[in-house]
Amino acid sequence: MTPDQRARATVLNDRNAMLGSRRIVNEKAGELVGKWVAPARLLEDPDYERWHERLSPLPRIVAEGDDLFEPPASEQID
């Protein structure tokens, strides 16, 4: 999702549930770098029903975390 789409979705956060999106930063992700992702399972989870309407129309991708995010500094190999 774009930063604007994420901002509109996160207004639904409260102390009981948060969207939990992450920004794509790994250059291997190409055109997706700078966009935001959230687990697709949220669309099936009744606890996250308030996000279904906003997230359902967005494109879905299948990717491993390593393809979207940099590994933690402790796991990076120089």
PDB file of N, CA and C in Angstrom:
ATOM      1  N   MET A   1       0.843  -1.166   0.000  1.00  0.00           N
ATOM      2  CA  MET A   1       0.000   0.000   0.000  1.00  0.00           C
ATOM      3  C   MET A   1       0.892   1.234   0.000  1.00  0.00           C
ATOM      4  N   THR A   2       0.354   2.303  -0.481  1.00  0.00           N
ATOM      5  CA  THR A   2       1.107   3.554  -0.505  1.00  0.00           C
ATOM      6  C   THR A   2       1.120   4.142   0.919  1.00  0.00           C
ATOM      7  N   PRO A   3       2.004   5.106   1.170  1.00  0.00           N
ATOM      8  CA  PRO A   3       1.983   5.750   2.490  1.00  0.00           C
ATOM      9  C   PRO A   3       0.621   6.364   2.830  1.00  0.00           C
ATOM     10  N   ASP A   4      -0.063   6.931   1.826  1.00  0.00           N
ATOM     11  CA  ASP A   4      -1.385   7.519   2.059  1.00  0.00           C
ATOM     12  C   ASP A   4      -2.415   6.452   2.421  1.00  0.00           C
ATOM     13  N   GLN A   5      -2.394   5.331   1.716  1.00  0.00           N
ATOM     14  CA  GLN A   5      -3.310   4.235   2.032  1.00  0.00           C
ATOM     15  C   GLN A   5      -3.050   3.705   3.438  1.00  0.00           C
ATOM     16  N   ARG A   6      -1.783   3.612   3.803  1.00  0.00           N
ATOM     17  CA  ARG A   6      -1.433   3.153   5.154  1.00  0.00           C
ATOM     18  C   ARG A   6      -1.954   4.131   6.202  1.00  0.00           C
ATOM     19  N   ALA A   7      -1.770   5.420   5.957  1.00  0.00           N
ATOM     20  CA  ALA A   7      -2.239   6.430   6.914  1.00  0.00           C
ATOM     21  C   ALA A   7      -3.749   6.328   7.121  1.00  0.00           C
ATOM     22  N   ARG A   8      -4.487   6.112   6.029  1.00  0.00           N
ATOM     23  CA  ARG A   8      -5.947   5.983   6.154  1.00  0.00           C
ATOM     24  C   ARG A   8      -6.334   4.712   6.909  1.00  0.00           C
ATOM     25  N   ALA A   9      -5.553   3.651   6.757  1.00  0.00           N
ATOM     26  CA  ALA A   9      -5.871   2.395   7.441  1.00  0.00           C
ATOM     27  C   ALA A   9      -5.485   2.442   8.918  1.00  0.00           C
ATOM     28  N   THR A  10      -4.394   3.112   9.253  1.00  0.00           N
ATOM     29  CA  THR A  10      -3.939   3.097  10.645  1.00  0.00           C
ATOM     30  C   THR A  10      -4.792   3.963  11.565  1.00  0.00           C
ATOM     31  N   VAL A  11      -5.671   4.785  11.020  1.00  0.00           N
ATOM     32  CA  VAL A  11      -6.570   5.536  11.906  1.00  0.00           C
ATOM     33  C   VAL A  11      -7.511   4.587  12.646  1.00  0.00           C
ATOM     34  N   LEU A  12      -7.609   3.349  12.169  1.00  0.00           N
ATOM     35  CA  LEU A  12      -8.463   2.358  12.831  1.00  0.00           C
ATOM     36  C   LEU A  12      -7.757   1.655  13.993  1.00  0.00           C
ATOM     37  N   ASN A  13      -6.465   1.932  14.176  1.00  0.00           N
ATOM     38  CA  ASN A  13      -5.740   1.341  15.304  1.00  0.00           C
ATOM     39  C   ASN A  13      -6.331   1.812  16.629  1.00  0.00           C
ATOM     40  N   ASP A  14      -6.289   0.950  17.603  1.00  0.00           N
ATOM     41  CA  ASP A  14      -6.636   1.344  18.961  1.00  0.00           C
ATOM     42  C   ASP A  14      -5.782   0.533  19.927  1.00  0.00           C
ATOM     43  N   ARG A  15      -6.058   0.627  21.206  1.00  0.00           N
ATOM     44  CA  ARG A  15      -5.211  -0.069  22.182  1.00  0.00           C
ATOM     45  C   ARG A  15      -5.377  -1.581  22.138  1.00  0.00           C
ATOM     46  N   ASN A  16      -6.404  -2.073  21.464  1.00  0.00           N
ATOM     47  CA  ASN A  16      -6.645  -3.514  21.374  1.00  0.00           C
ATOM     48  C   ASN A  16      -6.078  -4.160  20.118  1.00  0.00           C
ATOM     49  N   ALA A  17      -5.933  -3.388  19.050  1.00  0.00           N
ATOM     50  CA  ALA A  17      -5.440  -3.958  17.790  1.00  0.00           C
ATOM     51  C   ALA A  17      -4.790  -2.872  16.941  1.00  0.00           C
ATOM     52  N   MET A  18      -3.714  -3.268  16.259  1.00  0.00           N
ATOM     53  CA  MET A  18      -3.003  -2.364  15.351  1.00  0.00           C
ATOM     54  C   MET A  18      -2.795  -3.072  14.019  1.00  0.00           C
ATOM     55  N   LEU A  19      -2.758  -2.301  12.955  1.00  0.00           N
ATOM     56  CA  LEU A  19      -2.570  -2.857  11.628  1.00  0.00           C
ATOM     57  C   LEU A  19      -1.247  -3.612  11.519  1.00  0.00           C
ATOM     58  N   GLY A  20      -0.188  -3.085  12.076  1.00  0.00           N
ATOM     59  CA  GLY A  20       1.098  -3.783  12.069  1.00  0.00           C
ATOM     60  C   GLY A  20       1.757  -3.841  10.708  1.00  0.00           C
ATOM     61  N   SER A  21       1.605  -2.808   9.908  1.00  0.00           N
ATOM     62  CA  SER A  21       2.229  -2.792   8.591  1.00  0.00           C
ATOM     63  C   SER A  21       3.722  -2.489   8.705  1.00  0.00           C
ATOM     64  N   ARG A  22       4.463  -2.906   7.669  1.00  0.00           N
ATOM     65  CA  ARG A  22       5.903  -2.647   7.617  1.00  0.00           C
ATOM     66  C   ARG A  22       6.251  -2.048   6.270  1.00  0.00           C
ATOM     67  N   ARG A  23       7.230  -1.162   6.286  1.00  0.00           N
ATOM     68  CA  ARG A  23       7.695  -0.517   5.052  1.00  0.00           C
ATOM     69  C   ARG A  23       8.686  -1.432   4.342  1.00  0.00           C
ATOM     70  N   ILE A  24       8.531  -1.572   3.044  1.00  0.00           N
ATOM     71  CA  ILE A  24       9.432  -2.386   2.234  1.00  0.00           C
ATOM     72  C   ILE A  24      10.705  -1.584   1.980  1.00  0.00           C
ATOM     73  N   VAL A  25      11.849  -2.151   2.360  1.00  0.00           N
ATOM     74  CA  VAL A  25      13.115  -1.431   2.236  1.00  0.00           C
ATOM     75  C   VAL A  25      14.183  -2.187   1.448  1.00  0.00           C
ATOM     76  N   ASN A  26      13.958  -3.457   1.167  1.00  0.00           N
ATOM     77  CA  ASN A  26      14.969  -4.257   0.481  1.00  0.00           C
ATOM     78  C   ASN A  26      14.953  -3.928  -1.013  1.00  0.00           C
ATOM     79  N   GLU A  27      16.105  -3.530  -1.544  1.00  0.00           N
ATOM     80  CA  GLU A  27      16.207  -3.162  -2.956  1.00  0.00           C
ATOM     81  C   GLU A  27      15.813  -4.307  -3.885  1.00  0.00           C
ATOM     82  N   LYS A  28      15.885  -5.555  -3.401  1.00  0.00           N
ATOM     83  CA  LYS A  28      15.472  -6.700  -4.218  1.00  0.00           C
ATOM     84  C   LYS A  28      13.986  -6.635  -4.565  1.00  0.00           C
ATOM     85  N   ALA A  29      13.209  -5.839  -3.821  1.00  0.00           N
ATOM     86  CA  ALA A  29      11.768  -5.740  -4.039  1.00  0.00           C
ATOM     87  C   ALA A  29      11.421  -4.815  -5.210  1.00  0.00           C
ATOM     88  N   GLY A  30      12.417  -4.156  -5.791  1.00  0.00           N
ATOM     89  CA  GLY A  30      12.201  -3.314  -6.973  1.00  0.00           C
ATOM     90  C   GLY A  30      11.207  -2.193  -6.758  1.00  0.00           C
ATOM     91  N   GLU A  31      10.166  -2.163  -7.580  1.00  0.00           N
ATOM     92  CA  GLU A  31       9.189  -1.066  -7.542  1.00  0.00           C
ATOM     93  C   GLU A  31       8.371  -1.025  -6.253  1.00  0.00           C
ATOM     94  N   LEU A  32       8.451  -2.064  -5.446  1.00  0.00           N
ATOM     95  CA  LEU A  32       7.706  -2.075  -4.178  1.00  0.00           C
ATOM     96  C   LEU A  32       8.418  -1.326  -3.057  1.00  0.00           C
ATOM     97  N   VAL A  33       9.704  -1.009  -3.234  1.00  0.00           N
ATOM     98  CA  VAL A  33      10.463  -0.302  -2.198  1.00  0.00           C
ATOM     99  C   VAL A  33       9.758   1.007  -1.861  1.00  0.00           C
ATOM    100  N   GLY A  34       9.589   1.249  -0.584  1.00  0.00           N
ATOM    101  CA  GLY A  34       8.927   2.467  -0.114  1.00  0.00           C
ATOM    102  C   GLY A  34       7.442   2.281   0.153  1.00  0.00           C
ATOM    103  N   LYS A  35       6.868   1.202  -0.355  1.00  0.00           N
ATOM    104  CA  LYS A  35       5.459   0.919  -0.067  1.00  0.00           C
ATOM    105  C   LYS A  35       5.366   0.141   1.239  1.00  0.00           C
ATOM    106  N   TRP A  36       4.157  -0.071   1.690  1.00  0.00           N
ATOM    107  CA  TRP A  36       3.909  -0.731   2.963  1.00  0.00           C
ATOM    108  C   TRP A  36       3.151  -2.031   2.743  1.00  0.00           C
ATOM    109  N   VAL A  37       3.410  -3.020   3.591  1.00  0.00           N
ATOM    110  CA  VAL A  37       2.704  -4.298   3.522  1.00  0.00           C
ATOM    111  C   VAL A  37       2.178  -4.675   4.900  1.00  0.00           C
ATOM    112  N   ALA A  38       1.123  -5.449   4.878  1.00  0.00           N
ATOM    113  CA  ALA A  38       0.560  -6.052   6.092  1.00  0.00           C
ATOM    114  C   ALA A  38       0.246  -7.496   5.738  1.00  0.00           C
ATOM    115  N   PRO A  39       0.261  -8.381   6.705  1.00  0.00           N
ATOM    116  CA  PRO A  39      -0.043  -9.784   6.393  1.00  0.00           C
ATOM    117  C   PRO A  39      -1.446  -9.938   5.799  1.00  0.00           C
ATOM    118  N   ALA A  40      -1.543 -10.684   4.712  1.00  0.00           N
ATOM    119  CA  ALA A  40      -2.836 -10.912   4.055  1.00  0.00           C
ATOM    120  C   ALA A  40      -3.801 -11.654   4.967  1.00  0.00           C
ATOM    121  N   ARG A  41      -3.284 -12.389   5.931  1.00  0.00           N
ATOM    122  CA  ARG A  41      -4.169 -13.133   6.838  1.00  0.00           C
ATOM    123  C   ARG A  41      -5.110 -12.210   7.609  1.00  0.00           C
ATOM    124  N   LEU A  42      -4.781 -10.926   7.679  1.00  0.00           N
ATOM    125  CA  LEU A  42      -5.673  -9.975   8.357  1.00  0.00           C
ATOM    126  C   LEU A  42      -7.040  -9.922   7.681  1.00  0.00           C
ATOM    127  N   LEU A  43      -7.069 -10.220   6.383  1.00  0.00           N
ATOM    128  CA  LEU A  43      -8.339 -10.168   5.651  1.00  0.00           C
ATOM    129  C   LEU A  43      -9.266 -11.313   6.024  1.00  0.00           C
ATOM    130  N   GLU A  44      -8.740 -12.327   6.665  1.00  0.00           N
ATOM    131  CA  GLU A  44      -9.540 -13.482   7.080  1.00  0.00           C
ATOM    132  C   GLU A  44      -9.800 -13.503   8.588  1.00  0.00           C
ATOM    133  N   ASP A  45      -9.117 -12.653   9.308  1.00  0.00           N
ATOM    134  CA  ASP A  45      -9.171 -12.664  10.766  1.00  0.00           C
ATOM    135  C   ASP A  45     -10.320 -11.782  11.263  1.00  0.00           C
ATOM    136  N   PRO A  46     -11.296 -12.367  11.949  1.00  0.00           N
ATOM    137  CA  PRO A  46     -12.427 -11.558  12.421  1.00  0.00           C
ATOM    138  C   PRO A  46     -12.018 -10.464  13.405  1.00  0.00           C
ATOM    139  N   ASP A  47     -10.896 -10.634  14.092  1.00  0.00           N
ATOM    140  CA  ASP A  47     -10.432  -9.597  15.015  1.00  0.00           C
ATOM    141  C   ASP A  47      -9.969  -8.337  14.275  1.00  0.00           C
ATOM    142  N   TYR A  48      -9.714  -8.470  12.978  1.00  0.00           N
ATOM    143  CA  TYR A  48      -9.253  -7.342  12.164  1.00  0.00           C
ATOM    144  C   TYR A  48     -10.301  -6.924  11.137  1.00  0.00           C
ATOM    145  N   GLU A  49     -11.545  -7.269  11.415  1.00  0.00           N
ATOM    146  CA  GLU A  49     -12.629  -6.990  10.472  1.00  0.00           C
ATOM    147  C   GLU A  49     -12.721  -5.515  10.107  1.00  0.00           C
ATOM    148  N   ARG A  50     -12.408  -4.636  11.016  1.00  0.00           N
ATOM    149  CA  ARG A  50     -12.523  -3.204  10.715  1.00  0.00           C
ATOM    150  C   ARG A  50     -11.589  -2.766   9.588  1.00  0.00           C
ATOM    151  N   TRP A  51     -10.549  -3.544   9.300  1.00  0.00           N
ATOM    152  CA  TRP A  51      -9.627  -3.212   8.218  1.00  0.00           C
ATOM    153  C   TRP A  51     -10.027  -3.857   6.891  1.00  0.00           C
ATOM    154  N   HIS A  52     -10.912  -4.830   6.898  1.00  0.00           N
ATOM    155  CA  HIS A  52     -11.242  -5.574   5.686  1.00  0.00           C
ATOM    156  C   HIS A  52     -11.659  -4.662   4.523  1.00  0.00           C
ATOM    157  N   GLU A  53     -12.516  -3.713   4.763  1.00  0.00           N
ATOM    158  CA  GLU A  53     -13.006  -2.848   3.689  1.00  0.00           C
ATOM    159  C   GLU A  53     -11.880  -2.034   3.058  1.00  0.00           C
ATOM    160  N   ARG A  54     -10.955  -1.543   3.868  1.00  0.00           N
ATOM    161  CA  ARG A  54      -9.872  -0.708   3.334  1.00  0.00           C
ATOM    162  C   ARG A  54      -8.763  -1.524   2.686  1.00  0.00           C
ATOM    163  N   LEU A  55      -8.524  -2.715   3.186  1.00  0.00           N
ATOM    164  CA  LEU A  55      -7.417  -3.516   2.668  1.00  0.00           C
ATOM    165  C   LEU A  55      -7.816  -4.440   1.523  1.00  0.00           C
ATOM    166  N   SER A  56      -9.046  -4.880   1.473  1.00  0.00           N
ATOM    167  CA  SER A  56      -9.477  -5.849   0.456  1.00  0.00           C
ATOM    168  C   SER A  56      -9.196  -5.415  -0.982  1.00  0.00           C
ATOM    169  N   PRO A  57      -9.402  -4.152  -1.351  1.00  0.00           N
ATOM    170  CA  PRO A  57      -9.167  -3.769  -2.746  1.00  0.00           C
ATOM    171  C   PRO A  57      -7.683  -3.664  -3.127  1.00  0.00           C
ATOM    172  N   LEU A  58      -6.803  -3.668  -2.158  1.00  0.00           N
ATOM    173  CA  LEU A  58      -5.380  -3.482  -2.450  1.00  0.00           C
ATOM    174  C   LEU A  58      -4.773  -4.732  -3.077  1.00  0.00           C
ATOM    175  N   PRO A  59      -3.726  -4.550  -3.901  1.00  0.00           N
ATOM    176  CA  PRO A  59      -3.075  -5.712  -4.498  1.00  0.00           C
ATOM    177  C   PRO A  59      -2.428  -6.595  -3.445  1.00  0.00           C
ATOM    178  N   ARG A  60      -2.335  -7.879  -3.753  1.00  0.00           N
ATOM    179  CA  ARG A  60      -1.697  -8.840  -2.851  1.00  0.00           C
ATOM    180  C   ARG A  60      -0.463  -9.392  -3.531  1.00  0.00           C
ATOM    181  N   ILE A  61       0.563  -9.624  -2.740  1.00  0.00           N
ATOM    182  CA  ILE A  61       1.785 -10.230  -3.256  1.00  0.00           C
ATOM    183  C   ILE A  61       2.115 -11.442  -2.399  1.00  0.00           C
ATOM    184  N   VAL A  62       2.860 -12.345  -2.968  1.00  0.00           N
ATOM    185  CA  VAL A  62       3.374 -13.491  -2.226  1.00  0.00           C
ATOM    186  C   VAL A  62       4.882 -13.301  -2.183  1.00  0.00           C
ATOM    187  N   ALA A  63       5.427 -13.159  -0.991  1.00  0.00           N
ATOM    188  CA  ALA A  63       6.857 -12.905  -0.856  1.00  0.00           C
ATOM    189  C   ALA A  63       7.338 -13.382   0.504  1.00  0.00           C
ATOM    190  N   GLU A  64       8.609 -13.667   0.564  1.00  0.00           N
ATOM    191  CA  GLU A  64       9.260 -13.987   1.829  1.00  0.00           C
ATOM    192  C   GLU A  64       9.737 -12.683   2.456  1.00  0.00           C
ATOM    193  N   GLY A  65       9.825 -12.655   3.760  1.00  0.00           N
ATOM    194  CA  GLY A  65      10.305 -11.466   4.457  1.00  0.00           C
ATOM    195  C   GLY A  65      11.667 -11.003   3.974  1.00  0.00           C
ATOM    196  N   ASP A  66      12.541 -11.949   3.647  1.00  0.00           N
ATOM    197  CA  ASP A  66      13.884 -11.600   3.166  1.00  0.00           C
ATOM    198  C   ASP A  66      13.837 -10.846   1.846  1.00  0.00           C
ATOM    199  N   ASP A  67      12.765 -11.017   1.085  1.00  0.00           N
ATOM    200  CA  ASP A  67      12.635 -10.322  -0.192  1.00  0.00           C
ATOM    201  C   ASP A  67      12.153  -8.885  -0.020  1.00  0.00           C
ATOM    202  N   LEU A  68      11.591  -8.572   1.146  1.00  0.00           N
ATOM    203  CA  LEU A  68      11.010  -7.251   1.371  1.00  0.00           C
ATOM    204  C   LEU A  68      11.773  -6.404   2.386  1.00  0.00           C
ATOM    205  N   PHE A  69      12.378  -7.060   3.360  1.00  0.00           N
ATOM    206  CA  PHE A  69      13.004  -6.344   4.467  1.00  0.00           C
ATOM    207  C   PHE A  69      14.467  -6.743   4.598  1.00  0.00           C
ATOM    208  N   GLU A  70      15.251  -5.818   5.113  1.00  0.00           N
ATOM    209  CA  GLU A  70      16.652  -6.126   5.390  1.00  0.00           C
ATOM    210  C   GLU A  70      16.706  -6.979   6.649  1.00  0.00           C
ATOM    211  N   PRO A  71      17.669  -7.912   6.718  1.00  0.00           N
ATOM    212  CA  PRO A  71      17.795  -8.702   7.946  1.00  0.00           C
ATOM    213  C   PRO A  71      18.251  -7.805   9.098  1.00  0.00           C
ATOM    214  N   PRO A  72      17.956  -8.188  10.329  1.00  0.00           N
ATOM    215  CA  PRO A  72      18.443  -7.420  11.472  1.00  0.00           C
ATOM    216  C   PRO A  72      19.967  -7.290  11.400  1.00  0.00           C
ATOM    217  N   ALA A  73      20.489  -6.204  11.918  1.00  0.00           N
ATOM    218  CA  ALA A  73      21.937  -5.951  11.865  1.00  0.00           C
ATOM    219  C   ALA A  73      22.756  -7.117  12.382  1.00  0.00           C
ATOM    220  N   SER A  74      22.260  -7.817  13.396  1.00  0.00           N
ATOM    221  CA  SER A  74      22.986  -8.934  13.975  1.00  0.00           C
ATOM    222  C   SER A  74      23.089 -10.121  13.013  1.00  0.00           C
ATOM    223  N   GLU A  75      22.235 -10.161  11.970  1.00  0.00           N
ATOM    224  CA  GLU A  75      22.229 -11.272  11.017  1.00  0.00           C
ATOM    225  C   GLU A  75      22.870 -10.897   9.685  1.00  0.00           C
ATOM    226  N   GLN A  76      23.254  -9.637   9.496  1.00  0.00           N
ATOM    227  CA  GLN A  76      23.842  -9.230   8.230  1.00  0.00           C
ATOM    228  C   GLN A  76      25.273  -9.729   8.113  1.00  0.00           C
ATOM    229  N   ILE A  77      25.611 -10.172   6.914  1.00  0.00           N
ATOM    230  CA  ILE A  77      26.953 -10.669   6.640  1.00  0.00           C
ATOM    231  C   ILE A  77      27.708  -9.615   5.850  1.00  0.00           C
ATOM    232  N   ASP A  78      28.866  -9.232   6.329  1.00  0.00           N
ATOM    233  CA  ASP A  78      29.676  -8.221   5.619  1.00  0.00           C
ATOM    234  C   ASP A  78      30.597  -8.860   4.618  1.00  0.00           C
TER     235      ASP A  78
END
